[in-house]
Amino acid sequence: MRRSLTLIAVIAAFLTIIFPSKVNAQNKGYDGKFLPQTYVTDSEKPTLVMLTASWCPPCNTMKKQVMKEKDVEEALGKMNVVLLDVDTKEGKELAPGFTEVGFENAIPYFCILDKNGKVVKALTGGTSAEQFLKFLSSAFK
């Protein structure tokens, strides 16, 4: 029994080397500088990162109204969307990494990353659905 399990493990390792998974092949270029790759559910889509907080009125307006508008919701459906609460351990660890691209502890803060984890565009503050949609469209250029 032990011998057959070892043989199966060796074969599995060999096949992994010979036929690397599609996910691994697609994500080779993801640098993880701003957001760890573990947050990206679909490596073929751009990622929208929103730095937010539950007590922030403009953040809540963006989440509950602007991001619920039909056209905005449709655009967000074509992206990975990551909401990071700056008051949580996770948010406190990741938010400072965005200072290089305009985050100055003002929320809401939005950052679009391409499929390789590189910054496409950033936005600070709440905005209208129309303006937010224009911002999101930069992810697909």
Protein backbone atom coordinates (compact mmCIF):
# COMPACT_ATOMS: atom_id res chain seq x y z
CA MET A 1 0.00 0.00 0.00
CA ARG A 2 2.74 2.44 0.99
CA ARG A 3 4.67 1.60 -2.16
CA SER A 4 1.67 2.32 -4.39
CA LEU A 5 1.06 5.68 -2.67
CA THR A 6 4.69 6.62 -3.23
CA LEU A 7 4.41 5.62 -6.88
CA ILE A 8 1.24 7.71 -7.28
CA ALA A 9 2.96 10.73 -5.69
CA VAL A 10 5.96 10.37 -8.02
CA ILE A 11 3.71 10.11 -11.08
CA ALA A 12 1.68 13.13 -9.97
CA ALA A 13 4.84 15.18 -9.46
CA PHE A 14 6.14 14.13 -12.86
CA LEU A 15 2.88 15.06 -14.59
CA THR A 16 2.87 18.45 -12.86
CA ILE A 17 6.33 19.17 -14.26
CA ILE A 18 5.48 17.93 -17.75
CA PHE A 19 2.00 19.50 -17.92
CA PRO A 20 1.96 22.64 -15.73
CA SER A 21 -1.51 23.85 -14.81
CA LYS A 22 -3.12 26.57 -16.86
CA VAL A 23 -3.42 28.75 -13.74
CA ASN A 24 0.31 28.58 -13.00
CA ALA A 25 1.19 29.33 -16.61
CA GLN A 26 -1.15 32.34 -16.75
CA ASN A 27 0.03 33.88 -13.50
CA LYS A 28 3.79 33.79 -14.10
CA GLY A 29 3.79 37.55 -14.65
CA TYR A 30 1.78 38.46 -11.54
CA ASP A 31 4.22 40.37 -9.33
CA GLY A 32 2.09 40.71 -6.16
CA LYS A 33 3.66 44.05 -5.31
CA PHE A 34 0.36 45.70 -4.40
CA LEU A 35 -1.90 42.74 -3.76
CA PRO A 36 -0.99 39.10 -3.13
CA GLN A 37 -2.10 36.81 -5.93
CA THR A 38 -4.23 34.82 -3.48
CA TYR A 39 -6.82 37.62 -3.69
CA VAL A 40 -7.20 37.20 -7.45
CA THR A 41 -9.90 34.67 -8.32
CA ASP A 42 -9.59 34.90 -12.12
CA SER A 43 -6.12 35.59 -13.48
CA GLU A 44 -7.50 36.66 -16.85
CA LYS A 45 -9.42 39.60 -15.39
CA PRO A 46 -8.21 42.96 -14.08
CA THR A 47 -8.67 43.56 -10.35
CA LEU A 48 -10.35 46.47 -8.60
CA VAL A 49 -9.08 47.06 -5.07
CA MET A 50 -11.20 49.29 -2.81
CA LEU A 51 -9.77 50.50 0.47
CA THR A 52 -12.77 51.21 2.65
CA ALA A 53 -14.12 51.29 6.21
CA SER A 54 -17.55 50.51 7.64
CA TRP A 55 -17.79 53.95 9.32
CA CYS A 56 -16.99 55.91 6.12
CA PRO A 57 -20.10 57.59 4.57
CA PRO A 58 -18.58 58.06 1.06
CA CYS A 59 -17.41 54.42 1.12
CA ASN A 60 -20.90 53.24 2.02
CA THR A 61 -22.46 55.39 -0.71
CA MET A 62 -20.07 53.90 -3.26
CA LYS A 63 -20.76 50.32 -2.12
CA LYS A 64 -24.53 50.60 -1.61
CA GLN A 65 -25.49 52.95 -4.43
CA VAL A 66 -22.86 53.65 -7.09
CA MET A 67 -21.48 50.10 -7.29
CA LYS A 68 -25.07 48.76 -7.47
CA GLU A 69 -25.94 50.78 -10.59
CA LYS A 70 -26.66 48.41 -13.48
CA ASP A 71 -23.82 49.55 -15.80
CA VAL A 72 -21.31 49.73 -12.96
CA GLU A 73 -22.34 46.30 -11.68
CA GLU A 74 -21.91 44.91 -15.20
CA ALA A 75 -18.38 46.33 -15.45
CA LEU A 76 -17.50 45.01 -11.99
CA GLY A 77 -18.68 41.58 -13.10
CA LYS A 78 -15.80 41.54 -15.59
CA MET A 79 -13.25 42.15 -12.83
CA ASN A 80 -11.94 40.67 -9.62
CA VAL A 81 -13.21 42.96 -6.86
CA VAL A 82 -11.34 43.13 -3.55
CA LEU A 83 -12.72 45.24 -0.69
CA LEU A 84 -10.19 45.85 2.06
CA ASP A 85 -11.37 47.44 5.30
CA VAL A 86 -8.49 49.64 6.51
CA ASP A 87 -9.47 48.98 10.13
CA THR A 88 -8.88 45.23 9.93
CA LYS A 89 -5.56 43.46 10.35
CA GLU A 90 -5.58 42.54 6.67
CA GLY A 91 -6.35 46.11 5.60
CA LYS A 92 -3.70 47.58 7.89
CA GLU A 93 -1.11 45.25 6.38
CA LEU A 94 -1.99 45.81 2.72
CA ALA A 95 -3.13 49.48 2.56
CA PRO A 96 0.34 51.03 3.09
CA GLY A 97 1.54 49.29 -0.07
CA PHE A 98 -0.73 51.55 -2.10
CA THR A 99 0.93 54.80 -0.92
CA GLU A 100 3.32 54.47 -3.85
CA VAL A 101 0.35 54.85 -6.20
CA GLY A 102 -1.54 57.68 -4.50
CA PHE A 103 -3.10 56.28 -1.34
CA GLU A 104 -2.76 58.93 1.38
CA ASN A 105 -5.03 57.41 4.06
CA ALA A 106 -8.08 58.96 2.37
CA ILE A 107 -10.93 56.59 1.67
CA PRO A 108 -12.58 55.36 -0.38
CA TYR A 109 -9.53 54.62 -2.46
CA PHE A 110 -9.76 52.56 -5.64
CA CYS A 111 -6.94 51.00 -7.60
CA ILE A 112 -7.20 48.97 -10.79
CA LEU A 113 -4.56 46.29 -11.32
CA ASP A 114 -4.08 44.54 -14.64
CA LYS A 115 -3.91 40.75 -14.85
CA ASN A 116 -0.20 40.93 -14.02
CA GLY A 117 -0.76 42.92 -10.82
CA LYS A 118 0.48 46.22 -12.28
CA VAL A 119 -1.38 49.46 -11.51
CA VAL A 120 -3.52 50.77 -14.35
CA LYS A 121 -5.21 53.69 -12.57
CA ALA A 122 -6.16 54.91 -9.09
CA LEU A 123 -8.96 57.09 -7.73
CA THR A 124 -9.55 58.64 -4.31
CA GLY A 125 -12.97 59.62 -3.00
CA GLY A 126 -16.57 59.01 -3.88
CA THR A 127 -17.88 59.86 -7.31
CA SER A 128 -20.94 59.50 -9.54
CA ALA A 129 -21.81 56.25 -11.28
CA GLU A 130 -20.97 57.84 -14.63
CA GLN A 131 -17.50 58.94 -13.50
CA PHE A 132 -16.84 55.65 -11.74
CA LEU A 133 -17.77 53.77 -14.91
CA LYS A 134 -15.26 55.87 -16.86
CA PHE A 135 -12.63 55.01 -14.25
CA LEU A 136 -13.45 51.29 -14.49
CA SER A 137 -13.26 51.39 -18.29
CA SER A 138 -9.52 52.14 -18.02
CA ALA A 139 -9.08 48.51 -16.96
CA PHE A 140 -10.12 47.34 -20.41
CA LYS A 141 -7.96 49.54 -22.62
